[in-house]
Amino acid sequence: MAYVAIAAEYGQALDELRHYKQELARWVEDNEPERWAQSKFTKKRWGKLTNNPIESWNNSMCGVRQMSIPCLVSEHIQKLGKKMDLRKATVEE
C-alpha cells in the first residue's frame, strides 16, 4: 500500500487488507497514510534522482575539464545553481 502510485490501487489494497484483518486496516487509516503512502502525495517526490552522483557530475562537467581550477569551480557553481533552480521550479508546480 505504501508504494502504489494511484489512489484507486491504494483503495483496492486497503479493501484487501480489510478482508484479511479489519484491525490492521483500521490501524493503517488511523496512522496518517497521507504522510507515507505514495498515492497520497500531492506532488511528485521521486524520479529526479540518479544512482551515480559522480557519473552525473562528470557528464555535466565534460566541457570544462581542461579549464584552470578557478574557472572549473566557477563553472561548476553556475551549473549547480541552474540545476537547483530548475529542480525548485519543478517541485513548486
PDB file of N, CA and C in Angstrom:
ATOM      1  N   MET A   1       0.814  -1.192   0.000  1.00  0.00           N
ATOM      2  CA  MET A   1       0.000   0.000   0.000  1.00  0.00           C
ATOM      3  C   MET A   1       0.858   1.255   0.000  1.00  0.00           C
ATOM      4  N   ALA A   2       2.017   1.199   0.588  1.00  0.00           N
ATOM      5  CA  ALA A   2       2.875   2.373   0.648  1.00  0.00           C
ATOM      6  C   ALA A   2       3.447   2.736  -0.709  1.00  0.00           C
ATOM      7  N   TYR A   3       3.605   1.766  -1.596  1.00  0.00           N
ATOM      8  CA  TYR A   3       4.287   2.009  -2.868  1.00  0.00           C
ATOM      9  C   TYR A   3       3.366   2.229  -4.058  1.00  0.00           C
ATOM     10  N   VAL A   4       2.082   1.939  -3.947  1.00  0.00           N
ATOM     11  CA  VAL A   4       1.202   2.139  -5.099  1.00  0.00           C
ATOM     12  C   VAL A   4       1.075   3.632  -5.372  1.00  0.00           C
ATOM     13  N   ALA A   5       1.130   4.005  -6.653  1.00  0.00           N
ATOM     14  CA  ALA A   5       1.139   5.415  -7.025  1.00  0.00           C
ATOM     15  C   ALA A   5      -0.244   5.956  -7.356  1.00  0.00           C
ATOM     16  N   ILE A   6      -1.226   5.088  -7.506  1.00  0.00           N
ATOM     17  CA  ILE A   6      -2.569   5.508  -7.917  1.00  0.00           C
ATOM     18  C   ILE A   6      -3.536   5.291  -6.758  1.00  0.00           C
ATOM     19  N   ALA A   7      -4.379   6.283  -6.537  1.00  0.00           N
ATOM     20  CA  ALA A   7      -5.312   6.222  -5.410  1.00  0.00           C
ATOM     21  C   ALA A   7      -6.244   5.026  -5.503  1.00  0.00           C
ATOM     22  N   ALA A   8      -6.667   4.669  -6.707  1.00  0.00           N
ATOM     23  CA  ALA A   8      -7.567   3.516  -6.867  1.00  0.00           C
ATOM     24  C   ALA A   8      -6.889   2.224  -6.419  1.00  0.00           C
ATOM     25  N   GLU A   9      -5.617   2.076  -6.770  1.00  0.00           N
ATOM     26  CA  GLU A   9      -4.873   0.880  -6.345  1.00  0.00           C
ATOM     27  C   GLU A   9      -4.703   0.866  -4.835  1.00  0.00           C
ATOM     28  N   TYR A  10      -4.506   2.033  -4.241  1.00  0.00           N
ATOM     29  CA  TYR A  10      -4.409   2.131  -2.781  1.00  0.00           C
ATOM     30  C   TYR A  10      -5.719   1.658  -2.147  1.00  0.00           C
ATOM     31  N   GLY A  11      -6.851   2.105  -2.722  1.00  0.00           N
ATOM     32  CA  GLY A  11      -8.160   1.688  -2.204  1.00  0.00           C
ATOM     33  C   GLY A  11      -8.367   0.191  -2.316  1.00  0.00           C
ATOM     34  N   GLN A  12      -7.936  -0.387  -3.437  1.00  0.00           N
ATOM     35  CA  GLN A  12      -8.055  -1.839  -3.612  1.00  0.00           C
ATOM     36  C   GLN A  12      -7.209  -2.579  -2.578  1.00  0.00           C
ATOM     37  N   ALA A  13      -5.994  -2.093  -2.363  1.00  0.00           N
ATOM     38  CA  ALA A  13      -5.109  -2.739  -1.391  1.00  0.00           C
ATOM     39  C   ALA A  13      -5.690  -2.625   0.019  1.00  0.00           C
ATOM     40  N   LEU A  14      -6.282  -1.479   0.322  1.00  0.00           N
ATOM     41  CA  LEU A  14      -6.896  -1.300   1.640  1.00  0.00           C
ATOM     42  C   LEU A  14      -8.108  -2.219   1.800  1.00  0.00           C
ATOM     43  N   ASP A  15      -8.900  -2.394   0.738  1.00  0.00           N
ATOM     44  CA  ASP A  15     -10.036  -3.323   0.795  1.00  0.00           C
ATOM     45  C   ASP A  15      -9.571  -4.757   1.031  1.00  0.00           C
ATOM     46  N   GLU A  16      -8.501  -5.161   0.329  1.00  0.00           N
ATOM     47  CA  GLU A  16      -7.950  -6.499   0.540  1.00  0.00           C
ATOM     48  C   GLU A  16      -7.476  -6.669   1.975  1.00  0.00           C
ATOM     49  N   LEU A  17      -6.868  -5.613   2.509  1.00  0.00           N
ATOM     50  CA  LEU A  17      -6.394  -5.666   3.891  1.00  0.00           C
ATOM     51  C   LEU A  17      -7.575  -5.781   4.852  1.00  0.00           C
ATOM     52  N   ARG A  18      -8.661  -5.086   4.560  1.00  0.00           N
ATOM     53  CA  ARG A  18      -9.865  -5.187   5.408  1.00  0.00           C
ATOM     54  C   ARG A  18     -10.410  -6.616   5.434  1.00  0.00           C
ATOM     55  N   HIS A  19     -10.391  -7.277   4.279  1.00  0.00           N
ATOM     56  CA  HIS A  19     -10.873  -8.663   4.226  1.00  0.00           C
ATOM     57  C   HIS A  19      -9.942  -9.595   4.995  1.00  0.00           C
ATOM     58  N   TYR A  20      -8.672  -9.262   4.996  1.00  0.00           N
ATOM     59  CA  TYR A  20      -7.693 -10.091   5.693  1.00  0.00           C
ATOM     60  C   TYR A  20      -7.750  -9.845   7.194  1.00  0.00           C
ATOM     61  N   LYS A  21      -7.659  -8.556   7.595  1.00  0.00           N
ATOM     62  CA  LYS A  21      -7.630  -8.227   9.022  1.00  0.00           C
ATOM     63  C   LYS A  21      -8.182  -6.814   9.217  1.00  0.00           C
ATOM     64  N   GLN A  22      -9.389  -6.688   9.728  1.00  0.00           N
ATOM     65  CA  GLN A  22     -10.062  -5.406   9.903  1.00  0.00           C
ATOM     66  C   GLN A  22      -9.275  -4.456  10.814  1.00  0.00           C
ATOM     67  N   GLU A  23      -8.706  -4.993  11.886  1.00  0.00           N
ATOM     68  CA  GLU A  23      -7.966  -4.147  12.832  1.00  0.00           C
ATOM     69  C   GLU A  23      -6.724  -3.523  12.181  1.00  0.00           C
ATOM     70  N   LEU A  24      -6.068  -4.286  11.324  1.00  0.00           N
ATOM     71  CA  LEU A  24      -4.883  -3.785  10.640  1.00  0.00           C
ATOM     72  C   LEU A  24      -5.252  -2.674   9.660  1.00  0.00           C
ATOM     73  N   ALA A  25      -6.347  -2.824   8.941  1.00  0.00           N
ATOM     74  CA  ALA A  25      -6.813  -1.780   8.027  1.00  0.00           C
ATOM     75  C   ALA A  25      -7.167  -0.513   8.794  1.00  0.00           C
ATOM     76  N   ARG A  26      -7.797  -0.654   9.941  1.00  0.00           N
ATOM     77  CA  ARG A  26      -8.126   0.494  10.778  1.00  0.00           C
ATOM     78  C   ARG A  26      -6.857   1.179  11.264  1.00  0.00           C
ATOM     79  N   TRP A  27      -5.844   0.386  11.613  1.00  0.00           N
ATOM     80  CA  TRP A  27      -4.560   0.954  12.053  1.00  0.00           C
ATOM     81  C   TRP A  27      -3.932   1.782  10.926  1.00  0.00           C
ATOM     82  N   VAL A  28      -3.964   1.262   9.700  1.00  0.00           N
ATOM     83  CA  VAL A  28      -3.410   1.987   8.548  1.00  0.00           C
ATOM     84  C   VAL A  28      -4.128   3.319   8.377  1.00  0.00           C
ATOM     85  N   GLU A  29      -5.449   3.306   8.440  1.00  0.00           N
ATOM     86  CA  GLU A  29      -6.217   4.540   8.268  1.00  0.00           C
ATOM     87  C   GLU A  29      -5.962   5.542   9.388  1.00  0.00           C
ATOM     88  N   ASP A  30      -5.724   5.058  10.592  1.00  0.00           N
ATOM     89  CA  ASP A  30      -5.504   5.938  11.745  1.00  0.00           C
ATOM     90  C   ASP A  30      -4.088   6.501  11.827  1.00  0.00           C
ATOM     91  N   ASN A  31      -3.167   5.967  11.063  1.00  0.00           N
ATOM     92  CA  ASN A  31      -1.766   6.382  11.176  1.00  0.00           C
ATOM     93  C   ASN A  31      -1.282   7.225   9.993  1.00  0.00           C
ATOM     94  N   GLU A  32      -2.087   8.169   9.606  1.00  0.00           N
ATOM     95  CA  GLU A  32      -1.754   9.198   8.624  1.00  0.00           C
ATOM     96  C   GLU A  32      -1.121   8.666   7.337  1.00  0.00           C
ATOM     97  N   PRO A  33      -1.867   7.903   6.533  1.00  0.00           N
ATOM     98  CA  PRO A  33      -1.288   7.391   5.287  1.00  0.00           C
ATOM     99  C   PRO A  33      -0.871   8.499   4.332  1.00  0.00           C
ATOM    100  N   GLU A  34      -1.430   9.698   4.481  1.00  0.00           N
ATOM    101  CA  GLU A  34      -1.020  10.810   3.610  1.00  0.00           C
ATOM    102  C   GLU A  34       0.428  11.226   3.840  1.00  0.00           C
ATOM    103  N   ARG A  35       1.019  10.767   4.928  1.00  0.00           N
ATOM    104  CA  ARG A  35       2.425  11.085   5.211  1.00  0.00           C
ATOM    105  C   ARG A  35       3.389  10.017   4.710  1.00  0.00           C
ATOM    106  N   TRP A  36       2.888   8.821   4.393  1.00  0.00           N
ATOM    107  CA  TRP A  36       3.806   7.748   3.988  1.00  0.00           C
ATOM    108  C   TRP A  36       3.352   6.966   2.762  1.00  0.00           C
ATOM    109  N   ALA A  37       2.111   7.065   2.348  1.00  0.00           N
ATOM    110  CA  ALA A  37       1.624   6.332   1.180  1.00  0.00           C
ATOM    111  C   ALA A  37       1.852   7.177  -0.073  1.00  0.00           C
ATOM    112  N   GLN A  38       2.529   6.630  -1.047  1.00  0.00           N
ATOM    113  CA  GLN A  38       2.894   7.364  -2.252  1.00  0.00           C
ATOM    114  C   GLN A  38       1.673   7.914  -2.997  1.00  0.00           C
ATOM    115  N   SER A  39       0.588   7.195  -3.023  1.00  0.00           N
ATOM    116  CA  SER A  39      -0.604   7.648  -3.744  1.00  0.00           C
ATOM    117  C   SER A  39      -1.249   8.866  -3.086  1.00  0.00           C
ATOM    118  N   LYS A  40      -0.894   9.164  -1.857  1.00  0.00           N
ATOM    119  CA  LYS A  40      -1.477  10.295  -1.135  1.00  0.00           C
ATOM    120  C   LYS A  40      -0.663  11.579  -1.286  1.00  0.00           C
ATOM    121  N   PHE A  41       0.536  11.503  -1.861  1.00  0.00           N
ATOM    122  CA  PHE A  41       1.365  12.702  -2.015  1.00  0.00           C
ATOM    123  C   PHE A  41       0.758  13.608  -3.072  1.00  0.00           C
ATOM    124  N   THR A  42       0.690  14.893  -2.790  1.00  0.00           N
ATOM    125  CA  THR A  42       0.102  15.828  -3.744  1.00  0.00           C
ATOM    126  C   THR A  42       1.088  16.237  -4.831  1.00  0.00           C
ATOM    127  N   LYS A  43       2.388  16.140  -4.540  1.00  0.00           N
ATOM    128  CA  LYS A  43       3.412  16.493  -5.518  1.00  0.00           C
ATOM    129  C   LYS A  43       4.308  15.294  -5.784  1.00  0.00           C
ATOM    130  N   LYS A  44       4.917  15.300  -6.954  1.00  0.00           N
ATOM    131  CA  LYS A  44       5.842  14.223  -7.303  1.00  0.00           C
ATOM    132  C   LYS A  44       7.084  14.313  -6.414  1.00  0.00           C
ATOM    133  N   ARG A  45       7.469  13.209  -5.806  1.00  0.00           N
ATOM    134  CA  ARG A  45       8.602  13.230  -4.889  1.00  0.00           C
ATOM    135  C   ARG A  45       9.818  12.485  -5.418  1.00  0.00           C
ATOM    136  N   TRP A  46       9.644  11.678  -6.429  1.00  0.00           N
ATOM    137  CA  TRP A  46      10.742  10.859  -6.926  1.00  0.00           C
ATOM    138  C   TRP A  46      10.893  11.060  -8.428  1.00  0.00           C
ATOM    139  N   GLY A  47      11.911  10.448  -9.011  1.00  0.00           N
ATOM    140  CA  GLY A  47      12.079  10.470 -10.446  1.00  0.00           C
ATOM    141  C   GLY A  47      13.189  11.383 -10.929  1.00  0.00           C
ATOM    142  N   LYS A  48      13.758  12.191 -10.056  1.00  0.00           N
ATOM    143  CA  LYS A  48      14.832  13.098 -10.443  1.00  0.00           C
ATOM    144  C   LYS A  48      16.173  12.660  -9.853  1.00  0.00           C
ATOM    145  N   LEU A  49      16.206  11.521  -9.209  1.00  0.00           N
ATOM    146  CA  LEU A  49      17.427  11.063  -8.563  1.00  0.00           C
ATOM    147  C   LEU A  49      18.271  10.233  -9.520  1.00  0.00           C
ATOM    148  N   THR A  50      19.579  10.304  -9.358  1.00  0.00           N
ATOM    149  CA  THR A  50      20.464   9.447 -10.141  1.00  0.00           C
ATOM    150  C   THR A  50      21.066   8.411  -9.206  1.00  0.00           C
ATOM    151  N   ASN A  51      21.479   7.304  -9.768  1.00  0.00           N
ATOM    152  CA  ASN A  51      22.061   6.260  -8.933  1.00  0.00           C
ATOM    153  C   ASN A  51      23.570   6.394  -8.847  1.00  0.00           C
ATOM    154  N   ASN A  52      24.165   7.336  -9.568  1.00  0.00           N
ATOM    155  CA  ASN A  52      25.608   7.512  -9.530  1.00  0.00           C
ATOM    156  C   ASN A  52      25.942   9.004  -9.580  1.00  0.00           C
ATOM    157  N   PRO A  53      26.047   9.671  -8.429  1.00  0.00           N
ATOM    158  CA  PRO A  53      26.293  11.115  -8.418  1.00  0.00           C
ATOM    159  C   PRO A  53      27.613  11.525  -9.077  1.00  0.00           C
ATOM    160  N   ILE A  54      28.649  10.718  -8.943  1.00  0.00           N
ATOM    161  CA  ILE A  54      29.931  11.073  -9.547  1.00  0.00           C
ATOM    162  C   ILE A  54      29.828  11.048 -11.068  1.00  0.00           C
ATOM    163  N   GLU A  55      29.173  10.036 -11.615  1.00  0.00           N
ATOM    164  CA  GLU A  55      29.000   9.963 -13.069  1.00  0.00           C
ATOM    165  C   GLU A  55      28.159  11.130 -13.572  1.00  0.00           C
ATOM    166  N   SER A  56      27.159  11.482 -12.827  1.00  0.00           N
ATOM    167  CA  SER A  56      26.331  12.621 -13.196  1.00  0.00           C
ATOM    168  C   SER A  56      27.162  13.903 -13.211  1.00  0.00           C
ATOM    169  N   TRP A  57      28.001  14.079 -12.209  1.00  0.00           N
ATOM    170  CA  TRP A  57      28.868  15.258 -12.147  1.00  0.00           C
ATOM    171  C   TRP A  57      29.855  15.257 -13.315  1.00  0.00           C
ATOM    172  N   ASN A  58      30.451  14.122 -13.616  1.00  0.00           N
ATOM    173  CA  ASN A  58      31.388  14.028 -14.741  1.00  0.00           C
ATOM    174  C   ASN A  58      30.714  14.412 -16.055  1.00  0.00           C
ATOM    175  N   ASN A  59      29.498  13.937 -16.276  1.00  0.00           N
ATOM    176  CA  ASN A  59      28.781  14.271 -17.512  1.00  0.00           C
ATOM    177  C   ASN A  59      28.468  15.753 -17.602  1.00  0.00           C
ATOM    178  N   SER A  60      28.098  16.347 -16.491  1.00  0.00           N
ATOM    179  CA  SER A  60      27.754  17.770 -16.519  1.00  0.00           C
ATOM    180  C   SER A  60      28.983  18.653 -16.695  1.00  0.00           C
ATOM    181  N   MET A  61      30.158  18.176 -16.302  1.00  0.00           N
ATOM    182  CA  MET A  61      31.388  18.973 -16.375  1.00  0.00           C
ATOM    183  C   MET A  61      32.254  18.604 -17.578  1.00  0.00           C
ATOM    184  N   CYS A  62      31.733  17.836 -18.501  1.00  0.00           N
ATOM    185  CA  CYS A  62      32.504  17.321 -19.632  1.00  0.00           C
ATOM    186  C   CYS A  62      33.203  18.425 -20.424  1.00  0.00           C
ATOM    187  N   GLY A  63      32.533  19.525 -20.673  1.00  0.00           N
ATOM    188  CA  GLY A  63      33.103  20.579 -21.496  1.00  0.00           C
ATOM    189  C   GLY A  63      34.104  21.475 -20.801  1.00  0.00           C
ATOM    190  N   VAL A  64      34.250  21.351 -19.504  1.00  0.00           N
ATOM    191  CA  VAL A  64      35.121  22.281 -18.769  1.00  0.00           C
ATOM    192  C   VAL A  64      36.316  21.600 -18.115  1.00  0.00           C
ATOM    193  N   ARG A  65      36.563  20.359 -18.408  1.00  0.00           N
ATOM    194  CA  ARG A  65      37.634  19.621 -17.732  1.00  0.00           C
ATOM    195  C   ARG A  65      39.022  20.195 -17.979  1.00  0.00           C
ATOM    196  N   GLN A  66      39.226  20.851 -19.111  1.00  0.00           N
ATOM    197  CA  GLN A  66      40.558  21.377 -19.445  1.00  0.00           C
ATOM    198  C   GLN A  66      40.799  22.781 -18.896  1.00  0.00           C
ATOM    199  N   MET A  67      39.845  23.334 -18.196  1.00  0.00           N
ATOM    200  CA  MET A  67      39.971  24.695 -17.654  1.00  0.00           C
ATOM    201  C   MET A  67      40.853  24.711 -16.413  1.00  0.00           C
ATOM    202  N   SER A  68      41.280  25.915 -16.037  1.00  0.00           N
ATOM    203  CA  SER A  68      42.031  26.067 -14.788  1.00  0.00           C
ATOM    204  C   SER A  68      41.088  25.799 -13.613  1.00  0.00           C
ATOM    205  N   ILE A  69      41.658  25.550 -12.452  1.00  0.00           N
ATOM    206  CA  ILE A  69      40.852  25.216 -11.269  1.00  0.00           C
ATOM    207  C   ILE A  69      39.848  26.322 -10.928  1.00  0.00           C
ATOM    208  N   PRO A  70      40.246  27.606 -10.858  1.00  0.00           N
ATOM    209  CA  PRO A  70      39.236  28.634 -10.534  1.00  0.00           C
ATOM    210  C   PRO A  70      38.091  28.683 -11.550  1.00  0.00           C
ATOM    211  N   CYS A  71      38.415  28.543 -12.839  1.00  0.00           N
ATOM    212  CA  CYS A  71      37.354  28.540 -13.860  1.00  0.00           C
ATOM    213  C   CYS A  71      36.474  27.302 -13.723  1.00  0.00           C
ATOM    214  N   LEU A  72      37.081  26.177 -13.430  1.00  0.00           N
ATOM    215  CA  LEU A  72      36.336  24.941 -13.250  1.00  0.00           C
ATOM    216  C   LEU A  72      35.354  25.059 -12.089  1.00  0.00           C
ATOM    217  N   VAL A  73      35.825  25.608 -10.981  1.00  0.00           N
ATOM    218  CA  VAL A  73      34.960  25.773  -9.802  1.00  0.00           C
ATOM    219  C   VAL A  73      33.829  26.748 -10.121  1.00  0.00           C
ATOM    220  N   SER A  74      34.147  27.838 -10.792  1.00  0.00           N
ATOM    221  CA  SER A  74      33.135  28.820 -11.158  1.00  0.00           C
ATOM    222  C   SER A  74      32.072  28.195 -12.064  1.00  0.00           C
ATOM    223  N   GLU A  75      32.494  27.445 -13.052  1.00  0.00           N
ATOM    224  CA  GLU A  75      31.556  26.781 -13.961  1.00  0.00           C
ATOM    225  C   GLU A  75      30.693  25.772 -13.215  1.00  0.00           C
ATOM    226  N   HIS A  76      31.322  25.056 -12.306  1.00  0.00           N
ATOM    227  CA  HIS A  76      30.571  24.076 -11.512  1.00  0.00           C
ATOM    228  C   HIS A  76      29.498  24.773 -10.679  1.00  0.00           C
ATOM    229  N   ILE A  77      29.836  25.879 -10.056  1.00  0.00           N
ATOM    230  CA  ILE A  77      28.868  26.612  -9.233  1.00  0.00           C
ATOM    231  C   ILE A  77      27.707  27.107 -10.094  1.00  0.00           C
ATOM    232  N   GLN A  78      28.008  27.593 -11.282  1.00  0.00           N
ATOM    233  CA  GLN A  78      26.957  28.067 -12.181  1.00  0.00           C
ATOM    234  C   GLN A  78      26.032  26.926 -12.601  1.00  0.00           C
ATOM    235  N   LYS A  79      26.600  25.800 -12.989  1.00  0.00           N
ATOM    236  CA  LYS A  79      25.781  24.659 -13.412  1.00  0.00           C
ATOM    237  C   LYS A  79      24.949  24.121 -12.258  1.00  0.00           C
ATOM    238  N   LEU A  80      25.554  24.047 -11.075  1.00  0.00           N
ATOM    239  CA  LEU A  80      24.819  23.572  -9.911  1.00  0.00           C
ATOM    240  C   LEU A  80      23.663  24.512  -9.589  1.00  0.00           C
ATOM    241  N   GLY A  81      23.907  25.806  -9.662  1.00  0.00           N
ATOM    242  CA  GLY A  81      22.842  26.784  -9.415  1.00  0.00           C
ATOM    243  C   GLY A  81      21.694  26.636 -10.401  1.00  0.00           C
ATOM    244  N   LYS A  82      22.008  26.436 -11.680  1.00  0.00           N
ATOM    245  CA  LYS A  82      20.967  26.245 -12.690  1.00  0.00           C
ATOM    246  C   LYS A  82      20.154  24.980 -12.412  1.00  0.00           C
ATOM    247  N   LYS A  83      20.854  23.901 -12.050  1.00  0.00           N
ATOM    248  CA  LYS A  83      20.143  22.655 -11.739  1.00  0.00           C
ATOM    249  C   LYS A  83      19.244  22.809 -10.522  1.00  0.00           C
ATOM    250  N   MET A  84      19.726  23.511  -9.507  1.00  0.00           N
ATOM    251  CA  MET A  84      18.922  23.709  -8.303  1.00  0.00           C
ATOM    252  C   MET A  84      17.697  24.572  -8.598  1.00  0.00           C
ATOM    253  N   ASP A  85      17.873  25.633  -9.422  1.00  0.00           N
ATOM    254  CA  ASP A  85      16.735  26.472  -9.795  1.00  0.00           C
ATOM    255  C   ASP A  85      15.700  25.676 -10.584  1.00  0.00           C
ATOM    256  N   LEU A  86      16.162  24.860 -11.524  1.00  0.00           N
ATOM    257  CA  LEU A  86      15.251  24.040 -12.321  1.00  0.00           C
ATOM    258  C   LEU A  86      14.504  23.047 -11.428  1.00  0.00           C
ATOM    259  N   ARG A  87      15.227  22.423 -10.523  1.00  0.00           N
ATOM    260  CA  ARG A  87      14.603  21.460  -9.606  1.00  0.00           C
ATOM    261  C   ARG A  87      13.566  22.137  -8.716  1.00  0.00           C
ATOM    262  N   LYS A  88      13.890  23.321  -8.221  1.00  0.00           N
ATOM    263  CA  LYS A  88      12.963  24.054  -7.372  1.00  0.00           C
ATOM    264  C   LYS A  88      11.692  24.403  -8.150  1.00  0.00           C
ATOM    265  N   ALA A  89      11.860  24.811  -9.408  1.00  0.00           N
ATOM    266  CA  ALA A  89      10.702  25.157 -10.237  1.00  0.00           C
ATOM    267  C   ALA A  89       9.822  23.943 -10.484  1.00  0.00           C
ATOM    268  N   THR A  90      10.417  22.774 -10.712  1.00  0.00           N
ATOM    269  CA  THR A  90       9.607  21.578 -10.973  1.00  0.00           C
ATOM    270  C   THR A  90       8.916  21.083  -9.711  1.00  0.00           C
ATOM    271  N   VAL A  91       9.521  21.278  -8.563  1.00  0.00           N
ATOM    272  CA  VAL A  91       8.900  20.839  -7.300  1.00  0.00           C
ATOM    273  C   VAL A  91       7.737  21.751  -6.934  1.00  0.00           C
ATOM    274  N   GLU A  92       7.853  23.050  -7.244  1.00  0.00           N
ATOM    275  CA  GLU A  92       6.815  24.002  -6.879  1.00  0.00           C
ATOM    276  C   GLU A  92       5.588  23.925  -7.773  1.00  0.00           C
ATOM    277  N   GLU A  93       5.643  23.221  -8.903  1.00  0.00           N
ATOM    278  CA  GLU A  93       4.494  23.141  -9.828  1.00  0.00           C
ATOM    279  C   GLU A  93       3.339  22.473  -9.236  1.00  0.00           C
TER     280      GLU A  93
END
